[in-house]
Amino acid sequence: VVVISDPPDAVLEPWRRAGFACVSAPANAAGLQLLRGRAGPVAFAYACPPSADISIAGARWFKRKRARDPLFQTRAVDHVKEVHGLFEGWGCPFAIESPAAGLLRSLWRRPDFVFNPCDYGGYLDPSDAHPLFPHIVPAQDAFHRATGLWVGGGFRMPPRLPVPAVWKYFVDKRGRTRRMNPVLYCRKGGRAARSSAARGFCRAMY
């Protein structure tokens, strides 16, 4: 089982516990270089390439990035295509994760599947707190985050076990009660929490 992600633990955990040999690599060009020429059969591969340059959430910085490197988004998409080509060459089921509403759908192609973490929250116990972001990610991944999957090699979407999404309620400057996605509400550590793989979905894939 091969995972390209930072960190890879959420994806690898169920496979490792079942006795599969697991290999992880950082989600960058160096990580791809480490995996090229890999020998031996691969049972499953998963990748979470960097999405800051193609995510709508990062649009406010696009103008500044484009001034420094007019091809910054082309490079980001090319990296995803390289991962796709590497996985295809192994002939195993695979999936590549990226924001469903990001620019990958227009700069490359539309995702094969879209899901929210709460769609697979039932695979987690209600008392199983997130190991890295217990104060940001709700129990059972009970939040919305439209996640796209670009798949191949006979990948099959696992059955859903949804749980109701929870919200963070707060009072705005005008005294109105508002609600927000809990992983968006928290600024400190929020970006890392939003980009981490959904644990319930990872268990469902296994």
C-alpha atoms as a PDB file:
ATOM      1  CA  VAL A   1       0.000   0.000   0.000  1.00  0.00           C
ATOM      2  CA  VAL A   2       1.464   3.354  -1.061  1.00  0.00           C
ATOM      3  CA  VAL A   3       0.316   6.750   0.200  1.00  0.00           C
ATOM      4  CA  ILE A   4       1.532  10.179  -0.906  1.00  0.00           C
ATOM      5  CA  SER A   5       0.335  12.541   1.783  1.00  0.00           C
ATOM      6  CA  ASP A   6       1.432  14.824   4.629  1.00  0.00           C
ATOM      7  CA  PRO A   7       0.796  13.215   7.070  1.00  0.00           C
ATOM      8  CA  PRO A   8      -0.097   9.714   5.754  1.00  0.00           C
ATOM      9  CA  ASP A   9      -1.250   8.134   9.029  1.00  0.00           C
ATOM     10  CA  ALA A  10      -5.021   8.428   8.534  1.00  0.00           C
ATOM     11  CA  VAL A  11      -4.911   6.562   5.222  1.00  0.00           C
ATOM     12  CA  LEU A  12      -2.364   3.940   6.254  1.00  0.00           C
ATOM     13  CA  GLU A  13      -3.660   3.122   9.730  1.00  0.00           C
ATOM     14  CA  PRO A  14      -6.276   0.447   8.827  1.00  0.00           C
ATOM     15  CA  TRP A  15      -3.993  -1.199   6.247  1.00  0.00           C
ATOM     16  CA  ARG A  16      -1.019  -1.292   8.617  1.00  0.00           C
ATOM     17  CA  ARG A  17      -3.126  -2.825  11.386  1.00  0.00           C
ATOM     18  CA  ALA A  18      -4.224  -5.550   8.958  1.00  0.00           C
ATOM     19  CA  GLY A  19      -0.599  -6.475   8.246  1.00  0.00           C
ATOM     20  CA  PHE A  20      -0.061  -4.819   4.864  1.00  0.00           C
ATOM     21  CA  ALA A  21       3.399  -3.493   4.067  1.00  0.00           C
ATOM     22  CA  CYS A  22       2.938   0.277   3.837  1.00  0.00           C
ATOM     23  CA  VAL A  23       5.073   2.904   2.149  1.00  0.00           C
ATOM     24  CA  SER A  24       4.564   6.658   2.455  1.00  0.00           C
ATOM     25  CA  ALA A  25       6.181   9.566   0.669  1.00  0.00           C
ATOM     26  CA  PRO A  26       5.885  13.343   1.017  1.00  0.00           C
ATOM     27  CA  ALA A  27       3.419  15.061  -1.290  1.00  0.00           C
ATOM     28  CA  ASN A  28       6.027  16.784  -3.443  1.00  0.00           C
ATOM     29  CA  ALA A  29       8.361  16.145  -6.383  1.00  0.00           C
ATOM     30  CA  ALA A  30      10.939  14.519  -4.122  1.00  0.00           C
ATOM     31  CA  GLY A  31       8.322  12.076  -2.877  1.00  0.00           C
ATOM     32  CA  LEU A  32       7.456  11.073  -6.440  1.00  0.00           C
ATOM     33  CA  GLN A  33      11.121  10.559  -7.252  1.00  0.00           C
ATOM     34  CA  LEU A  34      11.441   8.168  -4.303  1.00  0.00           C
ATOM     35  CA  LEU A  35       8.590   6.033  -5.637  1.00  0.00           C
ATOM     36  CA  ARG A  36       9.579   5.879  -9.312  1.00  0.00           C
ATOM     37  CA  GLY A  37      10.943   2.516 -10.340  1.00  0.00           C
ATOM     38  CA  ARG A  38       9.390   0.815  -7.330  1.00  0.00           C
ATOM     39  CA  ALA A  39       9.378  -2.978  -7.744  1.00  0.00           C
ATOM     40  CA  GLY A  40       6.774  -5.440  -6.520  1.00  0.00           C
ATOM     41  CA  PRO A  41       2.966  -5.468  -6.617  1.00  0.00           C
ATOM     42  CA  VAL A  42       0.978  -2.644  -5.045  1.00  0.00           C
ATOM     43  CA  ALA A  43      -2.427  -3.426  -3.507  1.00  0.00           C
ATOM     44  CA  PHE A  44      -3.675   0.158  -3.261  1.00  0.00           C
ATOM     45  CA  ALA A  45      -2.396   3.713  -3.713  1.00  0.00           C
ATOM     46  CA  TYR A  46      -3.720   7.039  -2.462  1.00  0.00           C
ATOM     47  CA  ALA A  47      -2.491  10.601  -2.791  1.00  0.00           C
ATOM     48  CA  CYS A  48      -3.329  14.018  -1.360  1.00  0.00           C
ATOM     49  CA  PRO A  49      -1.240  16.380  -3.525  1.00  0.00           C
ATOM     50  CA  PRO A  50      -0.806  20.006  -2.375  1.00  0.00           C
ATOM     51  CA  SER A  51      -3.905  22.010  -3.319  1.00  0.00           C
ATOM     52  CA  ALA A  52      -3.051  25.548  -2.153  1.00  0.00           C
ATOM     53  CA  ASP A  53      -2.426  26.676  -5.746  1.00  0.00           C
ATOM     54  CA  ILE A  54      -5.658  25.239  -7.154  1.00  0.00           C
ATOM     55  CA  SER A  55      -8.082  25.530  -4.243  1.00  0.00           C
ATOM     56  CA  ILE A  56     -10.739  28.248  -4.244  1.00  0.00           C
ATOM     57  CA  ALA A  57      -9.823  28.874  -0.600  1.00  0.00           C
ATOM     58  CA  GLY A  58      -6.437  30.144  -1.772  1.00  0.00           C
ATOM     59  CA  ALA A  59      -7.782  32.448  -4.494  1.00  0.00           C
ATOM     60  CA  ARG A  60      -6.901  35.618  -2.570  1.00  0.00           C
ATOM     61  CA  TRP A  61      -3.206  34.845  -3.078  1.00  0.00           C
ATOM     62  CA  PHE A  62      -3.395  33.837  -6.756  1.00  0.00           C
ATOM     63  CA  LYS A  63      -2.550  37.300  -8.104  1.00  0.00           C
ATOM     64  CA  ARG A  64       0.607  37.537  -6.000  1.00  0.00           C
ATOM     65  CA  LYS A  65       1.640  33.991  -6.889  1.00  0.00           C
ATOM     66  CA  ARG A  66       1.040  34.601 -10.597  1.00  0.00           C
ATOM     67  CA  ALA A  67       3.292  37.662 -10.481  1.00  0.00           C
ATOM     68  CA  ARG A  68       6.108  35.513  -9.128  1.00  0.00           C
ATOM     69  CA  ASP A  69       5.418  32.497 -11.367  1.00  0.00           C
ATOM     70  CA  PRO A  70       2.872  32.738 -14.221  1.00  0.00           C
ATOM     71  CA  LEU A  71       2.879  28.931 -14.497  1.00  0.00           C
ATOM     72  CA  PHE A  72       2.298  28.140 -10.818  1.00  0.00           C
ATOM     73  CA  GLN A  73      -1.095  26.526 -11.434  1.00  0.00           C
ATOM     74  CA  THR A  74       0.116  24.625 -14.475  1.00  0.00           C
ATOM     75  CA  ARG A  75       2.887  23.159 -12.323  1.00  0.00           C
ATOM     76  CA  ALA A  76       0.383  22.167  -9.631  1.00  0.00           C
ATOM     77  CA  VAL A  77      -1.846  20.377 -12.144  1.00  0.00           C
ATOM     78  CA  ASP A  78       1.153  18.712 -13.823  1.00  0.00           C
ATOM     79  CA  HIS A  79       2.164  17.328 -10.431  1.00  0.00           C
ATOM     80  CA  VAL A  80      -1.269  15.720 -10.017  1.00  0.00           C
ATOM     81  CA  LYS A  81      -1.009  14.260 -13.519  1.00  0.00           C
ATOM     82  CA  GLU A  82       2.407  12.803 -12.649  1.00  0.00           C
ATOM     83  CA  VAL A  83       0.931  11.100  -9.588  1.00  0.00           C
ATOM     84  CA  HIS A  84      -1.920   9.763 -11.724  1.00  0.00           C
ATOM     85  CA  GLY A  85       0.505   8.379 -14.297  1.00  0.00           C
ATOM     86  CA  LEU A  86       2.645   6.745 -11.608  1.00  0.00           C
ATOM     87  CA  PHE A  87      -0.361   5.034 -10.039  1.00  0.00           C
ATOM     88  CA  GLU A  88      -1.703   3.895 -13.407  1.00  0.00           C
ATOM     89  CA  GLY A  89       1.637   2.276 -14.142  1.00  0.00           C
ATOM     90  CA  TRP A  90       1.303   0.100 -11.051  1.00  0.00           C
ATOM     91  CA  GLY A  91      -2.041  -1.264 -12.242  1.00  0.00           C
ATOM     92  CA  CYS A  92      -3.631  -1.114  -8.784  1.00  0.00           C
ATOM     93  CA  PRO A  93      -6.814   0.562  -7.522  1.00  0.00           C
ATOM     94  CA  PHE A  94      -5.998   4.160  -6.646  1.00  0.00           C
ATOM     95  CA  ALA A  95      -7.494   7.521  -5.758  1.00  0.00           C
ATOM     96  CA  ILE A  96      -6.192  11.082  -5.775  1.00  0.00           C
ATOM     97  CA  GLU A  97      -7.852  13.550  -3.403  1.00  0.00           C
ATOM     98  CA  SER A  98      -8.305  17.273  -4.054  1.00  0.00           C
ATOM     99  CA  PRO A  99     -10.981  19.909  -3.314  1.00  0.00           C
ATOM    100  CA  ALA A 100     -14.062  19.104  -5.368  1.00  0.00           C
ATOM    101  CA  ALA A 101     -14.682  22.766  -6.194  1.00  0.00           C
ATOM    102  CA  GLY A 102     -11.034  23.521  -6.931  1.00  0.00           C
ATOM    103  CA  LEU A 103      -9.514  24.426 -10.264  1.00  0.00           C
ATOM    104  CA  LEU A 104      -8.394  20.869 -10.996  1.00  0.00           C
ATOM    105  CA  ARG A 105     -11.847  20.184 -12.447  1.00  0.00           C
ATOM    106  CA  SER A 106     -11.389  22.930 -15.058  1.00  0.00           C
ATOM    107  CA  LEU A 107      -7.626  22.749 -15.607  1.00  0.00           C
ATOM    108  CA  TRP A 108      -7.663  18.950 -15.962  1.00  0.00           C
ATOM    109  CA  ARG A 109     -10.986  17.111 -15.581  1.00  0.00           C
ATOM    110  CA  ARG A 110     -13.956  16.727 -13.274  1.00  0.00           C
ATOM    111  CA  PRO A 111     -13.631  14.382 -10.265  1.00  0.00           C
ATOM    112  CA  ASP A 112     -15.024  10.867 -10.537  1.00  0.00           C
ATOM    113  CA  PHE A 113     -16.581  11.053  -7.067  1.00  0.00           C
ATOM    114  CA  VAL A 114     -17.403  13.736  -4.508  1.00  0.00           C
ATOM    115  CA  PHE A 115     -18.032  13.168  -0.796  1.00  0.00           C
ATOM    116  CA  ASN A 116     -18.118  14.931   2.565  1.00  0.00           C
ATOM    117  CA  PRO A 117     -16.292  13.519   5.622  1.00  0.00           C
ATOM    118  CA  CYS A 118     -19.604  13.220   7.498  1.00  0.00           C
ATOM    119  CA  ASP A 119     -20.822  10.810   4.790  1.00  0.00           C
ATOM    120  CA  TYR A 120     -18.479   8.200   6.308  1.00  0.00           C
ATOM    121  CA  GLY A 121     -18.536   9.230   9.960  1.00  0.00           C
ATOM    122  CA  GLY A 122     -20.354   6.046  10.934  1.00  0.00           C
ATOM    123  CA  TYR A 123     -17.124   4.098  10.443  1.00  0.00           C
ATOM    124  CA  LEU A 124     -15.704   5.907  13.511  1.00  0.00           C
ATOM    125  CA  ASP A 125     -16.707   5.440  17.125  1.00  0.00           C
ATOM    126  CA  PRO A 126     -18.282   8.580  18.702  1.00  0.00           C
ATOM    127  CA  SER A 127     -15.593   8.525  21.403  1.00  0.00           C
ATOM    128  CA  ASP A 128     -12.720   8.238  18.910  1.00  0.00           C
ATOM    129  CA  ALA A 129     -11.227  11.748  18.977  1.00  0.00           C
ATOM    130  CA  HIS A 130      -9.078  12.933  16.091  1.00  0.00           C
ATOM    131  CA  PRO A 131      -5.445  12.141  17.016  1.00  0.00           C
ATOM    132  CA  LEU A 132      -4.015  15.390  15.602  1.00  0.00           C
ATOM    133  CA  PHE A 133      -6.872  17.925  15.779  1.00  0.00           C
ATOM    134  CA  PRO A 134      -9.254  16.832  18.572  1.00  0.00           C
ATOM    135  CA  HIS A 135     -10.369  20.426  19.259  1.00  0.00           C
ATOM    136  CA  ILE A 136     -11.002  21.269  15.594  1.00  0.00           C
ATOM    137  CA  VAL A 137     -12.312  18.165  13.807  1.00  0.00           C
ATOM    138  CA  PRO A 138     -15.641  16.992  15.316  1.00  0.00           C
ATOM    139  CA  ALA A 139     -16.021  13.403  16.470  1.00  0.00           C
ATOM    140  CA  GLN A 140     -16.884  11.008  13.641  1.00  0.00           C
ATOM    141  CA  ASP A 141     -15.717  13.561  11.045  1.00  0.00           C
ATOM    142  CA  ALA A 142     -19.096  15.255  11.433  1.00  0.00           C
ATOM    143  CA  PHE A 143     -18.433  18.188   9.102  1.00  0.00           C
ATOM    144  CA  HIS A 144     -18.818  19.186   5.472  1.00  0.00           C
ATOM    145  CA  ARG A 145     -15.879  19.458   3.098  1.00  0.00           C
ATOM    146  CA  ALA A 146     -16.634  18.744  -0.541  1.00  0.00           C
ATOM    147  CA  THR A 147     -13.809  16.368  -1.432  1.00  0.00           C
ATOM    148  CA  GLY A 148     -13.138  15.229  -4.977  1.00  0.00           C
ATOM    149  CA  LEU A 149     -11.601  11.913  -5.975  1.00  0.00           C
ATOM    150  CA  TRP A 150      -9.867  11.200  -9.255  1.00  0.00           C
ATOM    151  CA  VAL A 151      -9.641   7.429  -9.440  1.00  0.00           C
ATOM    152  CA  GLY A 152      -8.487   4.521 -11.559  1.00  0.00           C
ATOM    153  CA  GLY A 153      -7.390   0.892 -11.553  1.00  0.00           C
ATOM    154  CA  GLY A 154     -10.851  -0.403 -10.687  1.00  0.00           C
ATOM    155  CA  PHE A 155     -11.307   1.747  -7.583  1.00  0.00           C
ATOM    156  CA  ARG A 156     -14.788   1.318  -6.087  1.00  0.00           C
ATOM    157  CA  MET A 157     -16.437   3.905  -3.875  1.00  0.00           C
ATOM    158  CA  PRO A 158     -17.167   2.369  -0.442  1.00  0.00           C
ATOM    159  CA  PRO A 159     -20.686   2.280   1.075  1.00  0.00           C
ATOM    160  CA  ARG A 160     -21.605   5.397   3.032  1.00  0.00           C
ATOM    161  CA  LEU A 161     -22.417   5.439   6.741  1.00  0.00           C
ATOM    162  CA  PRO A 162     -23.392   9.097   7.255  1.00  0.00           C
ATOM    163  CA  VAL A 163     -23.674  11.048  10.498  1.00  0.00           C
ATOM    164  CA  PRO A 164     -25.283  14.507  10.910  1.00  0.00           C
ATOM    165  CA  ALA A 165     -22.853  17.375  10.413  1.00  0.00           C
ATOM    166  CA  VAL A 166     -22.258  19.661  13.390  1.00  0.00           C
ATOM    167  CA  TRP A 167     -21.747  23.428  13.259  1.00  0.00           C
ATOM    168  CA  LYS A 168     -19.966  26.097  15.254  1.00  0.00           C
ATOM    169  CA  TYR A 169     -22.457  28.753  16.375  1.00  0.00           C
ATOM    170  CA  PHE A 170     -21.357  32.297  17.200  1.00  0.00           C
ATOM    171  CA  VAL A 171     -22.719  35.830  17.469  1.00  0.00           C
ATOM    172  CA  ASP A 172     -21.479  38.302  14.844  1.00  0.00           C
ATOM    173  CA  LYS A 173     -20.773  42.033  15.320  1.00  0.00           C
ATOM    174  CA  ARG A 174     -24.442  42.857  14.658  1.00  0.00           C
ATOM    175  CA  GLY A 175     -25.614  40.492  17.370  1.00  0.00           C
ATOM    176  CA  ARG A 176     -26.907  37.887  14.951  1.00  0.00           C
ATOM    177  CA  THR A 177     -26.406  34.191  15.648  1.00  0.00           C
ATOM    178  CA  ARG A 178     -24.498  32.610  12.796  1.00  0.00           C
ATOM    179  CA  ARG A 179     -23.137  29.157  12.095  1.00  0.00           C
ATOM    180  CA  MET A 180     -19.914  28.050  10.468  1.00  0.00           C
ATOM    181  CA  ASN A 181     -18.159  24.843   9.545  1.00  0.00           C
ATOM    182  CA  PRO A 182     -16.076  24.005  12.663  1.00  0.00           C
ATOM    183  CA  VAL A 183     -12.871  23.373  10.699  1.00  0.00           C
ATOM    184  CA  LEU A 184     -13.264  26.787   9.034  1.00  0.00           C
ATOM    185  CA  TYR A 185     -14.031  28.584  12.282  1.00  0.00           C
ATOM    186  CA  CYS A 186     -10.706  27.737  13.907  1.00  0.00           C
ATOM    187  CA  ARG A 187      -7.762  29.699  12.490  1.00  0.00           C
ATOM    188  CA  LYS A 188      -4.920  28.163  14.497  1.00  0.00           C
ATOM    189  CA  GLY A 189      -4.336  24.726  12.997  1.00  0.00           C
ATOM    190  CA  GLY A 190      -7.404  25.050  10.808  1.00  0.00           C
ATOM    191  CA  ARG A 191      -5.597  24.785   7.482  1.00  0.00           C
ATOM    192  CA  ALA A 192      -3.838  21.553   8.473  1.00  0.00           C
ATOM    193  CA  ALA A 193      -7.088  20.139   9.838  1.00  0.00           C
ATOM    194  CA  ARG A 194      -8.956  20.960   6.625  1.00  0.00           C
ATOM    195  CA  SER A 195      -6.313  19.303   4.447  1.00  0.00           C
ATOM    196  CA  SER A 196      -6.032  16.102   6.497  1.00  0.00           C
ATOM    197  CA  ALA A 197      -7.601  12.968   5.059  1.00  0.00           C
ATOM    198  CA  ALA A 198     -11.015  12.030   6.470  1.00  0.00           C
ATOM    199  CA  ARG A 199     -10.428   9.132   8.865  1.00  0.00           C
ATOM    200  CA  GLY A 200     -13.876   7.582   8.461  1.00  0.00           C
ATOM    201  CA  PHE A 201     -13.538   7.551   4.688  1.00  0.00           C
ATOM    202  CA  CYS A 202     -10.054   6.019   4.952  1.00  0.00           C
ATOM    203  CA  ARG A 203     -11.433   3.154   7.032  1.00  0.00           C
ATOM    204  CA  ALA A 204     -14.289   2.720   4.572  1.00  0.00           C
ATOM    205  CA  MET A 205     -11.807   2.476   1.675  1.00  0.00           C
ATOM    206  CA  TYR A 206      -9.909  -0.280   3.469  1.00  0.00           C
END
